[in-house]
């Protein structure tokens, strides 16, 4: 049995066996990463990354390479039937080179963004825990689950926005 099935069964068992507990306190879900990333401080750091000259140049290179691939594809669709075997091979070679460059640029962009997100999570982690504790204490909450392990939760059970609101105030 895989881990997600075990977690689901454990949550179901917990839910069924804790009827009295649930009547006295609430069960909620939270996405802590989303709560932190949606804060004004995180948005400012991500905007600063977008405004960074090196990052903007890398993003422009990525967009240029993507446009080159689209143009090569259009050219192949329009004229490919008339090309010689040598011309087709040359075209495939260009597509492979540009695709490799595009993949590398995408990986670099992702790595830069992930680095900023990681720093944000580290910087805001303790404050987020404090905000979560404040929301739990104020809301008579008995169980907090990560939203990724909850099989279903209505928006009323999601406290992510409340955590973001508390973080923005800190």
N, C-alpha and C. Protein backbone atom coordinates (compact mmCIF):
# COMPACT_ATOMS: atom_id res chain seq x y z
N UNK A 1 0.85 -1.17 0.00
CA UNK A 1 0.00 0.00 0.00
C UNK A 1 0.90 1.23 0.00
N UNK A 2 0.63 2.17 -0.91
CA UNK A 2 1.50 3.33 -0.97
C UNK A 2 1.20 4.31 0.16
N UNK A 3 2.08 5.23 0.35
CA UNK A 3 2.00 6.14 1.50
C UNK A 3 0.76 7.03 1.48
N UNK A 4 0.34 7.48 0.29
CA UNK A 4 -0.84 8.35 0.24
C UNK A 4 -2.10 7.60 0.63
N UNK A 5 -2.17 6.30 0.28
CA UNK A 5 -3.33 5.49 0.69
C UNK A 5 -3.30 5.29 2.20
N UNK A 6 -2.10 5.06 2.75
CA UNK A 6 -1.99 4.88 4.20
C UNK A 6 -2.41 6.14 4.93
N UNK A 7 -1.98 7.28 4.41
CA UNK A 7 -2.35 8.55 5.04
C UNK A 7 -3.85 8.76 4.96
N UNK A 8 -4.43 8.47 3.78
CA UNK A 8 -5.87 8.64 3.61
C UNK A 8 -6.63 7.74 4.57
N UNK A 9 -6.21 6.48 4.70
CA UNK A 9 -6.88 5.56 5.62
C UNK A 9 -6.71 6.02 7.07
N UNK A 10 -5.54 6.49 7.40
CA UNK A 10 -5.30 6.97 8.76
C UNK A 10 -6.17 8.19 9.06
N UNK A 11 -6.30 9.07 8.08
CA UNK A 11 -7.14 10.25 8.28
C UNK A 11 -8.60 9.85 8.41
N UNK A 12 -9.04 8.88 7.62
CA UNK A 12 -10.41 8.40 7.71
C UNK A 12 -10.67 7.78 9.07
N UNK A 13 -9.73 6.95 9.53
CA UNK A 13 -9.87 6.33 10.85
C UNK A 13 -9.88 7.38 11.94
N UNK A 14 -9.03 8.35 11.82
CA UNK A 14 -8.97 9.43 12.80
C UNK A 14 -10.29 10.19 12.82
N UNK A 15 -10.81 10.46 11.65
CA UNK A 15 -12.07 11.20 11.54
C UNK A 15 -13.22 10.41 12.15
N UNK A 16 -13.28 9.12 11.86
CA UNK A 16 -14.36 8.29 12.36
C UNK A 16 -14.28 8.07 13.87
N UNK A 17 -13.06 7.89 14.38
CA UNK A 17 -12.91 7.59 15.81
C UNK A 17 -12.87 8.82 16.68
N UNK A 18 -12.83 9.98 16.08
CA UNK A 18 -12.70 11.20 16.88
C UNK A 18 -13.95 12.05 16.80
N UNK A 19 -15.10 11.43 16.76
CA UNK A 19 -16.36 12.18 16.66
C UNK A 19 -16.54 13.16 17.80
N UNK A 20 -16.30 12.70 19.02
CA UNK A 20 -16.46 13.59 20.18
C UNK A 20 -15.45 14.72 20.14
N UNK A 21 -14.22 14.37 19.74
CA UNK A 21 -13.18 15.40 19.64
C UNK A 21 -13.55 16.45 18.60
N UNK A 22 -14.06 16.01 17.45
CA UNK A 22 -14.41 16.94 16.37
C UNK A 22 -15.53 17.86 16.78
N UNK A 23 -16.41 17.38 17.65
CA UNK A 23 -17.51 18.23 18.10
C UNK A 23 -17.00 19.37 18.97
N UNK A 24 -15.85 19.18 19.62
CA UNK A 24 -15.33 20.19 20.52
C UNK A 24 -14.33 21.13 19.85
N UNK A 25 -13.65 20.66 18.81
CA UNK A 25 -12.68 21.51 18.15
C UNK A 25 -12.72 21.26 16.65
N UNK A 26 -12.13 22.19 15.91
CA UNK A 26 -12.21 22.13 14.45
C UNK A 26 -10.99 21.45 13.85
N UNK A 27 -11.20 20.91 12.65
CA UNK A 27 -10.14 20.36 11.83
C UNK A 27 -10.03 21.29 10.63
N UNK A 28 -8.80 21.69 10.30
CA UNK A 28 -8.59 22.62 9.19
C UNK A 28 -7.42 22.15 8.34
N UNK A 29 -7.30 22.77 7.17
CA UNK A 29 -6.16 22.51 6.29
C UNK A 29 -5.44 23.82 6.04
N UNK A 30 -4.15 23.70 5.70
CA UNK A 30 -3.35 24.88 5.40
C UNK A 30 -2.29 24.50 4.38
N UNK A 31 -1.98 25.44 3.52
CA UNK A 31 -0.85 25.31 2.60
C UNK A 31 0.14 26.39 3.03
N UNK A 32 1.13 25.98 3.84
CA UNK A 32 2.05 26.96 4.41
C UNK A 32 2.89 27.66 3.35
N UNK A 33 3.31 26.93 2.33
CA UNK A 33 4.11 27.57 1.28
C UNK A 33 3.29 28.64 0.58
N UNK A 34 2.04 28.33 0.26
CA UNK A 34 1.19 29.33 -0.39
C UNK A 34 0.96 30.51 0.54
N UNK A 35 0.75 30.23 1.81
CA UNK A 35 0.52 31.32 2.78
C UNK A 35 1.71 32.27 2.81
N UNK A 36 2.91 31.71 2.78
CA UNK A 36 4.12 32.54 2.84
C UNK A 36 4.35 33.27 1.51
N UNK A 37 4.21 32.57 0.39
CA UNK A 37 4.48 33.15 -0.92
C UNK A 37 3.48 34.24 -1.27
N UNK A 38 2.28 34.18 -0.70
CA UNK A 38 1.26 35.19 -0.99
C UNK A 38 1.39 36.45 -0.14
N UNK A 39 2.38 36.49 0.75
CA UNK A 39 2.56 37.68 1.57
C UNK A 39 3.13 38.82 0.73
N UNK A 40 2.93 40.01 1.21
CA UNK A 40 3.45 41.19 0.51
C UNK A 40 4.99 41.16 0.44
N UNK A 41 5.63 40.71 1.52
CA UNK A 41 7.09 40.64 1.54
C UNK A 41 7.61 39.67 0.47
N UNK A 42 6.95 38.53 0.35
CA UNK A 42 7.38 37.55 -0.66
C UNK A 42 7.13 38.09 -2.06
N UNK A 43 6.01 38.72 -2.26
CA UNK A 43 5.70 39.28 -3.58
C UNK A 43 6.75 40.32 -3.98
N UNK A 44 7.19 41.13 -3.01
CA UNK A 44 8.22 42.14 -3.29
C UNK A 44 9.54 41.48 -3.70
N UNK A 45 9.91 40.39 -3.01
CA UNK A 45 11.15 39.70 -3.34
C UNK A 45 11.08 39.05 -4.72
N UNK A 46 9.92 38.50 -5.06
CA UNK A 46 9.75 37.89 -6.38
C UNK A 46 9.72 38.96 -7.48
N UNK A 47 9.14 40.11 -7.17
CA UNK A 47 9.15 41.22 -8.14
C UNK A 47 10.57 41.74 -8.33
N UNK A 48 11.34 41.76 -7.26
CA UNK A 48 12.74 42.19 -7.36
C UNK A 48 13.53 41.21 -8.24
N UNK A 49 13.23 39.94 -8.12
CA UNK A 49 13.88 38.96 -8.99
C UNK A 49 13.50 39.23 -10.45
N UNK A 50 12.22 39.45 -10.70
CA UNK A 50 11.78 39.73 -12.07
C UNK A 50 12.43 41.00 -12.63
N UNK A 51 12.71 41.97 -11.76
CA UNK A 51 13.31 43.23 -12.20
C UNK A 51 14.83 43.14 -12.33
N UNK A 52 15.44 42.11 -11.79
CA UNK A 52 16.88 41.94 -11.86
C UNK A 52 17.32 41.84 -13.32
N UNK A 53 18.35 42.59 -13.68
CA UNK A 53 18.81 42.66 -15.08
C UNK A 53 19.25 41.30 -15.61
N UNK A 54 19.99 40.54 -14.82
CA UNK A 54 20.46 39.22 -15.27
C UNK A 54 19.29 38.26 -15.47
N UNK A 55 18.34 38.30 -14.55
CA UNK A 55 17.17 37.42 -14.66
C UNK A 55 16.32 37.82 -15.85
N UNK A 56 16.15 39.13 -16.05
CA UNK A 56 15.37 39.61 -17.19
C UNK A 56 16.04 39.23 -18.51
N UNK A 57 17.36 39.30 -18.56
CA UNK A 57 18.08 38.91 -19.77
C UNK A 57 17.93 37.42 -20.05
N UNK A 58 17.97 36.63 -19.00
CA UNK A 58 17.79 35.19 -19.15
C UNK A 58 16.37 34.86 -19.62
N UNK A 59 15.41 35.57 -19.06
CA UNK A 59 14.01 35.38 -19.48
C UNK A 59 13.82 35.80 -20.93
N UNK A 60 14.47 36.90 -21.34
CA UNK A 60 14.39 37.36 -22.73
C UNK A 60 15.03 36.33 -23.66
N UNK A 61 16.14 35.74 -23.25
CA UNK A 61 16.78 34.70 -24.05
C UNK A 61 15.86 33.50 -24.19
N UNK A 62 15.21 33.11 -23.11
CA UNK A 62 14.27 32.00 -23.13
C UNK A 62 13.14 32.27 -24.13
N UNK A 63 12.56 33.47 -24.05
CA UNK A 63 11.47 33.82 -24.95
C UNK A 63 11.94 33.85 -26.41
N UNK A 64 13.14 34.35 -26.64
CA UNK A 64 13.70 34.39 -27.98
C UNK A 64 13.90 32.98 -28.54
N UNK A 65 14.43 32.10 -27.72
CA UNK A 65 14.64 30.72 -28.15
C UNK A 65 13.31 30.03 -28.45
N UNK A 66 12.32 30.31 -27.61
CA UNK A 66 10.99 29.72 -27.84
C UNK A 66 10.41 30.23 -29.16
N UNK A 67 10.57 31.52 -29.43
CA UNK A 67 10.08 32.09 -30.69
C UNK A 67 10.83 31.49 -31.88
N UNK A 68 12.14 31.26 -31.71
CA UNK A 68 12.92 30.63 -32.78
C UNK A 68 12.39 29.23 -33.09
N UNK A 69 12.06 28.48 -32.05
CA UNK A 69 11.50 27.14 -32.26
C UNK A 69 10.16 27.19 -32.98
N UNK A 70 9.32 28.12 -32.60
CA UNK A 70 8.02 28.28 -33.25
C UNK A 70 8.22 28.61 -34.72
N UNK A 71 9.15 29.52 -35.01
CA UNK A 71 9.42 29.90 -36.41
C UNK A 71 9.98 28.73 -37.20
N UNK A 72 10.87 27.96 -36.60
CA UNK A 72 11.41 26.79 -37.29
C UNK A 72 10.30 25.76 -37.58
N UNK A 73 9.40 25.61 -36.62
CA UNK A 73 8.29 24.68 -36.82
C UNK A 73 7.37 25.16 -37.96
N UNK A 74 7.07 26.45 -37.95
CA UNK A 74 6.23 26.99 -39.03
C UNK A 74 6.90 26.82 -40.39
N UNK A 75 8.20 27.08 -40.43
CA UNK A 75 8.94 26.93 -41.68
C UNK A 75 8.89 25.48 -42.16
N UNK A 76 9.04 24.53 -41.22
CA UNK A 76 9.01 23.12 -41.59
C UNK A 76 7.62 22.72 -42.09
N UNK A 77 6.59 23.24 -41.45
CA UNK A 77 5.24 22.90 -41.88
C UNK A 77 4.92 23.51 -43.24
N UNK A 78 5.40 24.69 -43.48
CA UNK A 78 5.12 25.38 -44.75
C UNK A 78 5.96 24.84 -45.89
N UNK A 79 7.24 24.67 -45.67
CA UNK A 79 8.17 24.34 -46.76
C UNK A 79 8.79 22.95 -46.66
N UNK A 80 8.54 22.24 -45.60
CA UNK A 80 9.23 20.98 -45.36
C UNK A 80 9.09 19.94 -46.45
N UNK A 81 7.96 19.94 -47.10
CA UNK A 81 7.73 18.94 -48.16
C UNK A 81 8.68 19.12 -49.34
N UNK A 82 9.17 20.32 -49.53
CA UNK A 82 10.03 20.60 -50.70
C UNK A 82 11.51 20.50 -50.37
N UNK A 83 11.86 20.29 -49.11
CA UNK A 83 13.25 20.26 -48.70
C UNK A 83 13.94 18.96 -49.12
N UNK A 84 15.21 19.12 -49.37
CA UNK A 84 16.04 17.94 -49.64
C UNK A 84 16.32 17.24 -48.31
N UNK A 85 16.83 16.04 -48.38
CA UNK A 85 17.17 15.29 -47.17
C UNK A 85 18.24 16.04 -46.36
N UNK A 86 19.17 16.67 -47.05
CA UNK A 86 20.22 17.45 -46.39
C UNK A 86 19.62 18.64 -45.64
N UNK A 87 18.68 19.29 -46.27
CA UNK A 87 18.01 20.46 -45.65
C UNK A 87 17.21 20.02 -44.42
N UNK A 88 16.53 18.88 -44.50
CA UNK A 88 15.76 18.36 -43.36
C UNK A 88 16.70 18.04 -42.19
N UNK A 89 17.82 17.41 -42.50
CA UNK A 89 18.79 17.08 -41.45
C UNK A 89 19.34 18.34 -40.79
N UNK A 90 19.61 19.36 -41.59
CA UNK A 90 20.08 20.64 -41.06
C UNK A 90 19.02 21.26 -40.16
N UNK A 91 17.77 21.18 -40.57
CA UNK A 91 16.66 21.73 -39.80
C UNK A 91 16.53 20.99 -38.46
N UNK A 92 16.57 19.66 -38.49
CA UNK A 92 16.49 18.88 -37.25
C UNK A 92 17.62 19.24 -36.30
N UNK A 93 18.81 19.44 -36.86
CA UNK A 93 19.97 19.80 -36.05
C UNK A 93 19.75 21.15 -35.37
N UNK A 94 19.22 22.13 -36.12
CA UNK A 94 18.93 23.45 -35.54
C UNK A 94 17.90 23.33 -34.43
N UNK A 95 16.85 22.54 -34.69
CA UNK A 95 15.81 22.36 -33.68
C UNK A 95 16.38 21.72 -32.42
N UNK A 96 17.23 20.71 -32.57
CA UNK A 96 17.83 20.05 -31.42
C UNK A 96 18.71 21.01 -30.62
N UNK A 97 19.52 21.81 -31.30
CA UNK A 97 20.38 22.77 -30.61
C UNK A 97 19.57 23.82 -29.86
N UNK A 98 18.58 24.36 -30.54
CA UNK A 98 17.75 25.39 -29.90
C UNK A 98 16.95 24.79 -28.75
N UNK A 99 16.45 23.58 -28.92
CA UNK A 99 15.71 22.91 -27.85
C UNK A 99 16.59 22.70 -26.62
N UNK A 100 17.84 22.31 -26.84
CA UNK A 100 18.77 22.12 -25.72
C UNK A 100 19.04 23.44 -25.01
N UNK A 101 19.25 24.49 -25.80
CA UNK A 101 19.47 25.82 -25.20
C UNK A 101 18.24 26.29 -24.44
N UNK A 102 17.06 26.03 -25.00
CA UNK A 102 15.80 26.42 -24.35
C UNK A 102 15.63 25.68 -23.03
N UNK A 103 15.92 24.39 -23.02
CA UNK A 103 15.82 23.60 -21.80
C UNK A 103 16.77 24.12 -20.73
N UNK A 104 17.99 24.44 -21.13
CA UNK A 104 18.97 24.97 -20.18
C UNK A 104 18.52 26.32 -19.61
N UNK A 105 18.01 27.18 -20.47
CA UNK A 105 17.52 28.49 -20.01
C UNK A 105 16.35 28.30 -19.05
N UNK A 106 15.45 27.37 -19.35
CA UNK A 106 14.31 27.11 -18.47
C UNK A 106 14.78 26.60 -17.11
N UNK A 107 15.76 25.72 -17.11
CA UNK A 107 16.30 25.20 -15.85
C UNK A 107 16.96 26.31 -15.03
N UNK A 108 17.66 27.21 -15.71
CA UNK A 108 18.30 28.33 -15.00
C UNK A 108 17.25 29.25 -14.39
N UNK A 109 16.21 29.56 -15.16
CA UNK A 109 15.13 30.40 -14.64
C UNK A 109 14.47 29.75 -13.43
N UNK A 110 14.19 28.48 -13.55
CA UNK A 110 13.55 27.75 -12.45
C UNK A 110 14.45 27.73 -11.22
N UNK A 111 15.74 27.50 -11.43
CA UNK A 111 16.67 27.47 -10.30
C UNK A 111 16.75 28.82 -9.60
N UNK A 112 16.79 29.89 -10.37
CA UNK A 112 16.83 31.23 -9.76
C UNK A 112 15.57 31.50 -8.94
N UNK A 113 14.42 31.19 -9.53
CA UNK A 113 13.15 31.42 -8.83
C UNK A 113 13.06 30.53 -7.59
N UNK A 114 13.46 29.26 -7.73
CA UNK A 114 13.42 28.35 -6.58
C UNK A 114 14.35 28.82 -5.47
N UNK A 115 15.49 29.40 -5.83
CA UNK A 115 16.41 29.93 -4.83
C UNK A 115 15.78 31.05 -4.02
N UNK A 116 15.08 31.94 -4.72
CA UNK A 116 14.40 33.04 -4.02
C UNK A 116 13.28 32.50 -3.14
N UNK A 117 12.51 31.55 -3.67
CA UNK A 117 11.41 30.96 -2.89
C UNK A 117 11.96 30.27 -1.65
N UNK A 118 13.07 29.57 -1.80
CA UNK A 118 13.68 28.89 -0.65
C UNK A 118 14.10 29.90 0.42
N UNK A 119 14.72 31.00 -0.01
CA UNK A 119 15.11 32.05 0.96
C UNK A 119 13.89 32.64 1.65
N UNK A 120 12.84 32.87 0.87
CA UNK A 120 11.61 33.41 1.45
C UNK A 120 11.06 32.45 2.50
N UNK A 121 11.03 31.17 2.16
CA UNK A 121 10.50 30.17 3.10
C UNK A 121 11.34 30.11 4.37
N UNK A 122 12.66 30.20 4.22
CA UNK A 122 13.54 30.18 5.39
C UNK A 122 13.34 31.44 6.25
N UNK A 123 13.25 32.59 5.58
CA UNK A 123 13.10 33.85 6.30
C UNK A 123 11.77 33.94 7.03
N UNK A 124 10.72 33.42 6.41
CA UNK A 124 9.37 33.57 6.96
C UNK A 124 8.89 32.35 7.75
N UNK A 125 9.68 31.27 7.76
CA UNK A 125 9.24 30.02 8.39
C UNK A 125 8.82 30.15 9.84
N UNK A 126 9.66 30.78 10.64
CA UNK A 126 9.34 30.92 12.07
C UNK A 126 8.13 31.82 12.28
N UNK A 127 8.08 32.91 11.52
CA UNK A 127 6.91 33.80 11.63
C UNK A 127 5.63 33.06 11.23
N UNK A 128 5.74 32.20 10.22
CA UNK A 128 4.57 31.44 9.76
C UNK A 128 4.11 30.48 10.85
N UNK A 129 5.05 29.84 11.54
CA UNK A 129 4.68 28.95 12.65
C UNK A 129 3.97 29.72 13.75
N UNK A 130 4.48 30.91 14.06
CA UNK A 130 3.83 31.74 15.07
C UNK A 130 2.43 32.14 14.63
N UNK A 131 2.28 32.52 13.36
CA UNK A 131 0.97 32.90 12.84
C UNK A 131 0.02 31.71 12.89
N UNK A 132 0.50 30.54 12.55
CA UNK A 132 -0.32 29.33 12.62
C UNK A 132 -0.77 29.08 14.05
N UNK A 133 0.16 29.19 15.00
CA UNK A 133 -0.21 28.99 16.41
C UNK A 133 -1.25 30.00 16.86
N UNK A 134 -1.13 31.26 16.41
CA UNK A 134 -2.11 32.29 16.76
C UNK A 134 -3.49 31.92 16.21
N UNK A 135 -3.55 31.49 14.96
CA UNK A 135 -4.83 31.14 14.34
C UNK A 135 -5.42 29.91 15.02
N UNK A 136 -4.59 28.93 15.34
CA UNK A 136 -5.06 27.71 16.02
C UNK A 136 -5.63 28.06 17.39
N UNK A 137 -4.92 28.89 18.14
CA UNK A 137 -5.39 29.27 19.47
C UNK A 137 -6.69 30.06 19.42
N UNK A 138 -6.76 30.98 18.49
CA UNK A 138 -7.95 31.84 18.40
C UNK A 138 -9.16 31.11 17.84
N UNK A 139 -8.94 30.06 17.07
CA UNK A 139 -10.06 29.42 16.38
C UNK A 139 -10.52 28.10 16.97
N UNK A 140 -10.06 27.72 18.17
CA UNK A 140 -10.44 26.45 18.77
C UNK A 140 -10.20 25.30 17.78
N UNK A 141 -9.02 25.29 17.21
CA UNK A 141 -8.66 24.30 16.20
C UNK A 141 -7.92 23.16 16.88
N UNK A 142 -8.37 21.94 16.62
CA UNK A 142 -7.78 20.77 17.25
C UNK A 142 -6.84 20.00 16.35
N UNK A 143 -6.97 20.17 15.03
CA UNK A 143 -6.13 19.42 14.10
C UNK A 143 -5.91 20.26 12.85
N UNK A 144 -4.64 20.40 12.47
CA UNK A 144 -4.27 21.12 11.26
C UNK A 144 -3.58 20.12 10.33
N UNK A 145 -4.10 20.01 9.11
CA UNK A 145 -3.51 19.13 8.10
C UNK A 145 -2.94 19.96 6.97
N UNK A 146 -1.86 19.47 6.38
CA UNK A 146 -1.36 20.10 5.17
C UNK A 146 -2.40 19.85 4.09
N UNK A 147 -2.70 20.86 3.32
CA UNK A 147 -3.76 20.74 2.32
C UNK A 147 -3.46 19.67 1.27
N UNK A 148 -2.20 19.32 1.09
CA UNK A 148 -1.84 18.31 0.10
C UNK A 148 -2.23 16.90 0.54
N UNK A 149 -2.44 16.66 1.83
CA UNK A 149 -2.82 15.34 2.30
C UNK A 149 -4.31 15.21 2.54
N UNK A 150 -5.03 16.31 2.46
CA UNK A 150 -6.48 16.25 2.65
C UNK A 150 -7.13 15.79 1.35
N UNK A 151 -7.96 14.79 1.46
CA UNK A 151 -8.65 14.28 0.28
C UNK A 151 -9.66 15.31 -0.22
N UNK A 152 -10.33 15.99 0.70
CA UNK A 152 -11.30 17.01 0.34
C UNK A 152 -11.43 17.98 1.50
N UNK A 153 -11.55 19.24 1.18
CA UNK A 153 -11.82 20.27 2.19
C UNK A 153 -12.51 21.43 1.50
N UNK A 154 -13.59 21.89 2.07
CA UNK A 154 -14.25 23.07 1.52
C UNK A 154 -13.43 24.29 1.90
N UNK A 155 -13.61 25.39 1.19
CA UNK A 155 -12.83 26.60 1.50
C UNK A 155 -12.98 27.07 2.95
N UNK A 156 -14.09 26.74 3.59
CA UNK A 156 -14.29 27.14 4.99
C UNK A 156 -13.27 26.50 5.92
N UNK A 157 -12.70 25.38 5.52
CA UNK A 157 -11.74 24.66 6.35
C UNK A 157 -10.29 25.04 6.04
N UNK A 158 -10.08 25.89 5.06
CA UNK A 158 -8.73 26.27 4.65
C UNK A 158 -8.34 27.58 5.34
N UNK A 159 -7.29 27.54 6.15
CA UNK A 159 -6.86 28.72 6.90
C UNK A 159 -5.63 29.40 6.28
N UNK A 160 -5.29 29.03 5.05
CA UNK A 160 -4.12 29.59 4.38
C UNK A 160 -4.18 31.12 4.32
N UNK A 161 -5.32 31.66 3.92
CA UNK A 161 -5.46 33.12 3.81
C UNK A 161 -5.31 33.80 5.18
N UNK A 162 -5.78 33.15 6.22
CA UNK A 162 -5.65 33.73 7.57
C UNK A 162 -4.18 33.80 7.98
N UNK A 163 -3.41 32.78 7.61
CA UNK A 163 -1.98 32.77 7.93
C UNK A 163 -1.28 33.89 7.16
N UNK A 164 -1.63 34.04 5.87
CA UNK A 164 -1.04 35.11 5.06
C UNK A 164 -1.36 36.47 5.66
N UNK A 165 -2.60 36.66 6.08
CA UNK A 165 -3.03 37.93 6.69
C UNK A 165 -2.22 38.22 7.95
N UNK A 166 -2.03 37.22 8.80
CA UNK A 166 -1.23 37.43 10.00
C UNK A 166 0.23 37.75 9.67
N UNK A 167 0.77 37.06 8.66
CA UNK A 167 2.16 37.34 8.26
C UNK A 167 2.31 38.75 7.72
N UNK A 168 1.34 39.21 6.98
CA UNK A 168 1.40 40.58 6.45
C UNK A 168 1.39 41.60 7.58
N UNK A 169 0.72 41.29 8.66
CA UNK A 169 0.68 42.22 9.80
C UNK A 169 1.98 42.22 10.58
N UNK A 170 2.73 41.09 10.52
CA UNK A 170 4.01 41.02 11.24
C UNK A 170 5.05 41.66 10.37
